[in-house]
Amino acid sequence: MHESIKNEVGKLRIEMGTTQEDLAGGVGVSRQTIIALERGNYTPSILLALKIAGYFKMPVEKIFKISYEK
């Protein structure tokens, strides 16, 4: 069984009406990091996941979830 991390970052960012650039600046990473994260090509560190959760004012487990694939 393969485990991966799925996230709601892109969906939440769009709902909030913020840009990738704004989110990146708000959490201290590059826009390219946000793009990779939204595409599922990057798993954030715990520190970055917590910063993103703080940015959206949501618990980290509402944004990042473990996905199990066979």
PDB file of N, CA and C in Angstrom:
ATOM      1  N   MET A   1       0.839  -1.175   0.000  1.00  0.00           N
ATOM      2  CA  MET A   1       0.000   0.000   0.000  1.00  0.00           C
ATOM      3  C   MET A   1       0.888   1.244   0.000  1.00  0.00           C
ATOM      4  N   HIS A   2       0.548   2.174  -0.863  1.00  0.00           N
ATOM      5  CA  HIS A   2       1.314   3.416  -1.000  1.00  0.00           C
ATOM      6  C   HIS A   2       0.602   4.541  -0.266  1.00  0.00           C
ATOM      7  N   GLU A   3       1.352   5.277   0.532  1.00  0.00           N
ATOM      8  CA  GLU A   3       0.809   6.426   1.251  1.00  0.00           C
ATOM      9  C   GLU A   3       1.358   7.713   0.653  1.00  0.00           C
ATOM     10  N   SER A   4       0.514   8.699   0.562  1.00  0.00           N
ATOM     11  CA  SER A   4       0.953  10.017   0.117  1.00  0.00           C
ATOM     12  C   SER A   4       0.154  11.075   0.868  1.00  0.00           C
ATOM     13  N   ILE A   5       0.602  12.306   0.754  1.00  0.00           N
ATOM     14  CA  ILE A   5      -0.081  13.422   1.403  1.00  0.00           C
ATOM     15  C   ILE A   5      -0.871  14.184   0.347  1.00  0.00           C
ATOM     16  N   LYS A   6      -2.156  14.321   0.569  1.00  0.00           N
ATOM     17  CA  LYS A   6      -3.012  15.139  -0.290  1.00  0.00           C
ATOM     18  C   LYS A   6      -3.278  16.442   0.465  1.00  0.00           C
ATOM     19  N   ASN A   7      -3.526  17.518  -0.279  1.00  0.00           N
ATOM     20  CA  ASN A   7      -3.788  18.779   0.402  1.00  0.00           C
ATOM     21  C   ASN A   7      -4.878  19.588  -0.287  1.00  0.00           C
ATOM     22  N   GLU A   8      -5.397  20.532   0.454  1.00  0.00           N
ATOM     23  CA  GLU A   8      -6.473  21.414  -0.002  1.00  0.00           C
ATOM     24  C   GLU A   8      -5.964  22.845  -0.207  1.00  0.00           C
ATOM     25  N   VAL A   9      -4.670  23.012  -0.342  1.00  0.00           N
ATOM     26  CA  VAL A   9      -4.083  24.351  -0.390  1.00  0.00           C
ATOM     27  C   VAL A   9      -4.637  25.175  -1.550  1.00  0.00           C
ATOM     28  N   GLY A  10      -4.644  24.622  -2.751  1.00  0.00           N
ATOM     29  CA  GLY A  10      -5.136  25.367  -3.913  1.00  0.00           C
ATOM     30  C   GLY A  10      -6.598  25.756  -3.763  1.00  0.00           C
ATOM     31  N   LYS A  11      -7.412  24.821  -3.324  1.00  0.00           N
ATOM     32  CA  LYS A  11      -8.844  25.079  -3.133  1.00  0.00           C
ATOM     33  C   LYS A  11      -9.063  26.177  -2.094  1.00  0.00           C
ATOM     34  N   LEU A  12      -8.384  26.076  -0.967  1.00  0.00           N
ATOM     35  CA  LEU A  12      -8.534  27.080   0.095  1.00  0.00           C
ATOM     36  C   LEU A  12      -8.039  28.450  -0.354  1.00  0.00           C
ATOM     37  N   ARG A  13      -6.928  28.448  -1.080  1.00  0.00           N
ATOM     38  CA  ARG A  13      -6.359  29.719  -1.556  1.00  0.00           C
ATOM     39  C   ARG A  13      -7.339  30.426  -2.496  1.00  0.00           C
ATOM     40  N   ILE A  14      -7.946  29.657  -3.398  1.00  0.00           N
ATOM     41  CA  ILE A  14      -8.908  30.240  -4.340  1.00  0.00           C
ATOM     42  C   ILE A  14     -10.147  30.734  -3.601  1.00  0.00           C
ATOM     43  N   GLU A  15     -10.646  29.936  -2.661  1.00  0.00           N
ATOM     44  CA  GLU A  15     -11.818  30.343  -1.878  1.00  0.00           C
ATOM     45  C   GLU A  15     -11.550  31.628  -1.099  1.00  0.00           C
ATOM     46  N   MET A  16     -10.320  31.778  -0.630  1.00  0.00           N
ATOM     47  CA  MET A  16      -9.945  32.960   0.146  1.00  0.00           C
ATOM     48  C   MET A  16      -9.715  34.171  -0.764  1.00  0.00           C
ATOM     49  N   GLY A  17      -9.517  33.915  -2.051  1.00  0.00           N
ATOM     50  CA  GLY A  17      -9.277  34.997  -2.996  1.00  0.00           C
ATOM     51  C   GLY A  17      -7.867  35.549  -2.950  1.00  0.00           C
ATOM     52  N   THR A  18      -6.920  34.701  -2.568  1.00  0.00           N
ATOM     53  CA  THR A  18      -5.524  35.131  -2.497  1.00  0.00           C
ATOM     54  C   THR A  18      -4.721  34.501  -3.634  1.00  0.00           C
ATOM     55  N   THR A  19      -3.617  35.120  -3.983  1.00  0.00           N
ATOM     56  CA  THR A  19      -2.773  34.608  -5.058  1.00  0.00           C
ATOM     57  C   THR A  19      -1.719  33.649  -4.514  1.00  0.00           C
ATOM     58  N   GLN A  20      -1.120  32.895  -5.420  1.00  0.00           N
ATOM     59  CA  GLN A  20      -0.005  32.025  -5.027  1.00  0.00           C
ATOM     60  C   GLN A  20       1.130  32.870  -4.465  1.00  0.00           C
ATOM     61  N   GLU A  21       1.339  34.017  -5.061  1.00  0.00           N
ATOM     62  CA  GLU A  21       2.403  34.935  -4.620  1.00  0.00           C
ATOM     63  C   GLU A  21       2.147  35.425  -3.186  1.00  0.00           C
ATOM     64  N   ASP A  22       0.897  35.791  -2.892  1.00  0.00           N
ATOM     65  CA  ASP A  22       0.552  36.257  -1.550  1.00  0.00           C
ATOM     66  C   ASP A  22       0.743  35.152  -0.515  1.00  0.00           C
ATOM     67  N   LEU A  23       0.278  33.951  -0.842  1.00  0.00           N
ATOM     68  CA  LEU A  23       0.434  32.823   0.073  1.00  0.00           C
ATOM     69  C   LEU A  23       1.910  32.530   0.304  1.00  0.00           C
ATOM     70  N   ALA A  24       2.678  32.508  -0.780  1.00  0.00           N
ATOM     71  CA  ALA A  24       4.115  32.248  -0.669  1.00  0.00           C
ATOM     72  C   ALA A  24       4.782  33.268   0.252  1.00  0.00           C
ATOM     73  N   GLY A  25       4.483  34.545   0.053  1.00  0.00           N
ATOM     74  CA  GLY A  25       5.054  35.589   0.898  1.00  0.00           C
ATOM     75  C   GLY A  25       4.607  35.465   2.344  1.00  0.00           C
ATOM     76  N   GLY A  26       3.369  35.057   2.533  1.00  0.00           N
ATOM     77  CA  GLY A  26       2.822  34.929   3.873  1.00  0.00           C
ATOM     78  C   GLY A  26       3.437  33.813   4.694  1.00  0.00           C
ATOM     79  N   VAL A  27       3.934  32.777   4.010  1.00  0.00           N
ATOM     80  CA  VAL A  27       4.527  31.646   4.734  1.00  0.00           C
ATOM     81  C   VAL A  27       6.037  31.535   4.521  1.00  0.00           C
ATOM     82  N   GLY A  28       6.609  32.458   3.729  1.00  0.00           N
ATOM     83  CA  GLY A  28       8.066  32.514   3.588  1.00  0.00           C
ATOM     84  C   GLY A  28       8.695  31.514   2.640  1.00  0.00           C
ATOM     85  N   VAL A  29       7.975  31.200   1.537  1.00  0.00           N
ATOM     86  CA  VAL A  29       8.539  30.308   0.516  1.00  0.00           C
ATOM     87  C   VAL A  29       8.375  30.964  -0.848  1.00  0.00           C
ATOM     88  N   SER A  30       8.892  30.320  -1.881  1.00  0.00           N
ATOM     89  CA  SER A  30       8.749  30.852  -3.232  1.00  0.00           C
ATOM     90  C   SER A  30       7.396  30.462  -3.825  1.00  0.00           C
ATOM     91  N   ARG A  31       6.981  31.204  -4.831  1.00  0.00           N
ATOM     92  CA  ARG A  31       5.744  30.876  -5.550  1.00  0.00           C
ATOM     93  C   ARG A  31       5.850  29.489  -6.169  1.00  0.00           C
ATOM     94  N   GLN A  32       7.045  29.116  -6.625  1.00  0.00           N
ATOM     95  CA  GLN A  32       7.260  27.796  -7.220  1.00  0.00           C
ATOM     96  C   GLN A  32       6.973  26.687  -6.213  1.00  0.00           C
ATOM     97  N   THR A  33       7.290  26.920  -4.948  1.00  0.00           N
ATOM     98  CA  THR A  33       6.993  25.934  -3.903  1.00  0.00           C
ATOM     99  C   THR A  33       5.486  25.758  -3.756  1.00  0.00           C
ATOM    100  N   ILE A  34       4.737  26.861  -3.783  1.00  0.00           N
ATOM    101  CA  ILE A  34       3.279  26.788  -3.684  1.00  0.00           C
ATOM    102  C   ILE A  34       2.702  26.064  -4.889  1.00  0.00           C
ATOM    103  N   ILE A  35       3.218  26.342  -6.070  1.00  0.00           N
ATOM    104  CA  ILE A  35       2.757  25.656  -7.289  1.00  0.00           C
ATOM    105  C   ILE A  35       2.978  24.154  -7.150  1.00  0.00           C
ATOM    106  N   ALA A  36       4.176  23.750  -6.739  1.00  0.00           N
ATOM    107  CA  ALA A  36       4.486  22.323  -6.582  1.00  0.00           C
ATOM    108  C   ALA A  36       3.603  21.681  -5.518  1.00  0.00           C
ATOM    109  N   LEU A  37       3.348  22.394  -4.443  1.00  0.00           N
ATOM    110  CA  LEU A  37       2.496  21.904  -3.365  1.00  0.00           C
ATOM    111  C   LEU A  37       1.069  21.691  -3.863  1.00  0.00           C
ATOM    112  N   GLU A  38       0.530  22.675  -4.562  1.00  0.00           N
ATOM    113  CA  GLU A  38      -0.834  22.577  -5.083  1.00  0.00           C
ATOM    114  C   GLU A  38      -0.978  21.447  -6.103  1.00  0.00           C
ATOM    115  N   ARG A  39       0.051  21.185  -6.856  1.00  0.00           N
ATOM    116  CA  ARG A  39       0.013  20.108  -7.863  1.00  0.00           C
ATOM    117  C   ARG A  39       0.247  18.732  -7.258  1.00  0.00           C
ATOM    118  N   GLY A  40       0.619  18.695  -5.986  1.00  0.00           N
ATOM    119  CA  GLY A  40       0.891  17.422  -5.333  1.00  0.00           C
ATOM    120  C   GLY A  40       2.285  16.892  -5.598  1.00  0.00           C
ATOM    121  N   ASN A  41       3.177  17.752  -6.077  1.00  0.00           N
ATOM    122  CA  ASN A  41       4.549  17.354  -6.388  1.00  0.00           C
ATOM    123  C   ASN A  41       5.523  17.629  -5.250  1.00  0.00           C
ATOM    124  N   TYR A  42       5.010  18.153  -4.146  1.00  0.00           N
ATOM    125  CA  TYR A  42       5.882  18.549  -3.031  1.00  0.00           C
ATOM    126  C   TYR A  42       5.148  18.284  -1.726  1.00  0.00           C
ATOM    127  N   THR A  43       5.829  17.619  -0.806  1.00  0.00           N
ATOM    128  CA  THR A  43       5.294  17.403   0.534  1.00  0.00           C
ATOM    129  C   THR A  43       5.989  18.383   1.466  1.00  0.00           C
ATOM    130  N   PRO A  44       5.217  19.230   2.133  1.00  0.00           N
ATOM    131  CA  PRO A  44       5.849  20.254   2.962  1.00  0.00           C
ATOM    132  C   PRO A  44       6.442  19.682   4.242  1.00  0.00           C
ATOM    133  N   SER A  45       7.391  20.400   4.780  1.00  0.00           N
ATOM    134  CA  SER A  45       7.917  20.068   6.108  1.00  0.00           C
ATOM    135  C   SER A  45       6.803  20.331   7.126  1.00  0.00           C
ATOM    136  N   ILE A  46       6.977  19.826   8.318  1.00  0.00           N
ATOM    137  CA  ILE A  46       6.001  20.080   9.379  1.00  0.00           C
ATOM    138  C   ILE A  46       5.907  21.580   9.637  1.00  0.00           C
ATOM    139  N   LEU A  47       7.037  22.259   9.656  1.00  0.00           N
ATOM    140  CA  LEU A  47       7.059  23.694   9.895  1.00  0.00           C
ATOM    141  C   LEU A  47       6.240  24.437   8.836  1.00  0.00           C
ATOM    142  N   LEU A  48       6.449  24.104   7.564  1.00  0.00           N
ATOM    143  CA  LEU A  48       5.705  24.766   6.496  1.00  0.00           C
ATOM    144  C   LEU A  48       4.219  24.427   6.576  1.00  0.00           C
ATOM    145  N   ALA A  49       3.882  23.180   6.859  1.00  0.00           N
ATOM    146  CA  ALA A  49       2.474  22.798   6.986  1.00  0.00           C
ATOM    147  C   ALA A  49       1.803  23.599   8.096  1.00  0.00           C
ATOM    148  N   LEU A  50       2.493  23.791   9.211  1.00  0.00           N
ATOM    149  CA  LEU A  50       1.943  24.582  10.314  1.00  0.00           C
ATOM    150  C   LEU A  50       1.803  26.062   9.937  1.00  0.00           C
ATOM    151  N   LYS A  51       2.761  26.580   9.182  1.00  0.00           N
ATOM    152  CA  LYS A  51       2.663  27.972   8.724  1.00  0.00           C
ATOM    153  C   LYS A  51       1.465  28.149   7.795  1.00  0.00           C
ATOM    154  N   ILE A  52       1.267  27.188   6.901  1.00  0.00           N
ATOM    155  CA  ILE A  52       0.129  27.253   5.980  1.00  0.00           C
ATOM    156  C   ILE A  52      -1.182  27.168   6.755  1.00  0.00           C
ATOM    157  N   ALA A  53      -1.252  26.281   7.723  1.00  0.00           N
ATOM    158  CA  ALA A  53      -2.448  26.162   8.561  1.00  0.00           C
ATOM    159  C   ALA A  53      -2.713  27.482   9.291  1.00  0.00           C
ATOM    160  N   GLY A  54      -1.670  28.109   9.784  1.00  0.00           N
ATOM    161  CA  GLY A  54      -1.822  29.399  10.441  1.00  0.00           C
ATOM    162  C   GLY A  54      -2.300  30.472   9.481  1.00  0.00           C
ATOM    163  N   TYR A  55      -1.798  30.455   8.268  1.00  0.00           N
ATOM    164  CA  TYR A  55      -2.198  31.429   7.250  1.00  0.00           C
ATOM    165  C   TYR A  55      -3.698  31.325   6.986  1.00  0.00           C
ATOM    166  N   PHE A  56      -4.188  30.087   6.880  1.00  0.00           N
ATOM    167  CA  PHE A  56      -5.606  29.869   6.611  1.00  0.00           C
ATOM    168  C   PHE A  56      -6.457  29.845   7.887  1.00  0.00           C
ATOM    169  N   LYS A  57      -5.791  29.936   9.050  1.00  0.00           N
ATOM    170  CA  LYS A  57      -6.481  29.884  10.347  1.00  0.00           C
ATOM    171  C   LYS A  57      -7.335  28.626  10.462  1.00  0.00           C
ATOM    172  N   MET A  58      -6.695  27.495  10.132  1.00  0.00           N
ATOM    173  CA  MET A  58      -7.359  26.196  10.183  1.00  0.00           C
ATOM    174  C   MET A  58      -6.413  25.169  10.801  1.00  0.00           C
ATOM    175  N   PRO A  59      -6.958  24.099  11.382  1.00  0.00           N
ATOM    176  CA  PRO A  59      -6.090  23.026  11.864  1.00  0.00           C
ATOM    177  C   PRO A  59      -5.365  22.363  10.686  1.00  0.00           C
ATOM    178  N   VAL A  60      -4.143  21.984  10.898  1.00  0.00           N
ATOM    179  CA  VAL A  60      -3.326  21.400   9.833  1.00  0.00           C
ATOM    180  C   VAL A  60      -3.987  20.149   9.230  1.00  0.00           C
ATOM    181  N   GLU A  61      -4.684  19.360  10.061  1.00  0.00           N
ATOM    182  CA  GLU A  61      -5.293  18.128   9.552  1.00  0.00           C
ATOM    183  C   GLU A  61      -6.516  18.384   8.665  1.00  0.00           C
ATOM    184  N   LYS A  62      -7.021  19.610   8.630  1.00  0.00           N
ATOM    185  CA  LYS A  62      -8.104  19.961   7.706  1.00  0.00           C
ATOM    186  C   LYS A  62      -7.545  20.289   6.317  1.00  0.00           C
ATOM    187  N   ILE A  63      -6.258  20.592   6.258  1.00  0.00           N
ATOM    188  CA  ILE A  63      -5.613  20.984   4.999  1.00  0.00           C
ATOM    189  C   ILE A  63      -4.828  19.827   4.394  1.00  0.00           C
ATOM    190  N   PHE A  64      -4.148  19.066   5.228  1.00  0.00           N
ATOM    191  CA  PHE A  64      -3.294  17.968   4.771  1.00  0.00           C
ATOM    192  C   PHE A  64      -3.833  16.640   5.293  1.00  0.00           C
ATOM    193  N   LYS A  65      -3.978  15.669   4.371  1.00  0.00           N
ATOM    194  CA  LYS A  65      -4.499  14.364   4.742  1.00  0.00           C
ATOM    195  C   LYS A  65      -3.666  13.261   4.116  1.00  0.00           C
ATOM    196  N   ILE A  66      -3.574  12.127   4.805  1.00  0.00           N
ATOM    197  CA  ILE A  66      -2.875  10.973   4.254  1.00  0.00           C
ATOM    198  C   ILE A  66      -3.807  10.245   3.306  1.00  0.00           C
ATOM    199  N   SER A  67      -3.308   9.914   2.136  1.00  0.00           N
ATOM    200  CA  SER A  67      -4.072   9.160   1.145  1.00  0.00           C
ATOM    201  C   SER A  67      -3.418   7.788   1.011  1.00  0.00           C
ATOM    202  N   TYR A  68      -4.238   6.741   1.061  1.00  0.00           N
ATOM    203  CA  TYR A  68      -3.752   5.365   0.931  1.00  0.00           C
ATOM    204  C   TYR A  68      -4.159   4.837  -0.440  1.00  0.00           C
ATOM    205  N   GLU A  69      -3.170   4.405  -1.205  1.00  0.00           N
ATOM    206  CA  GLU A  69      -3.436   3.865  -2.545  1.00  0.00           C
ATOM    207  C   GLU A  69      -2.843   2.476  -2.655  1.00  0.00           C
ATOM    208  N   LYS A  70      -3.538   1.600  -3.336  1.00  0.00           N
ATOM    209  CA  LYS A  70      -3.045   0.232  -3.536  1.00  0.00           C
ATOM    210  C   LYS A  70      -2.208   0.141  -4.775  1.00  0.00           C
TER     211      LYS A  70
END
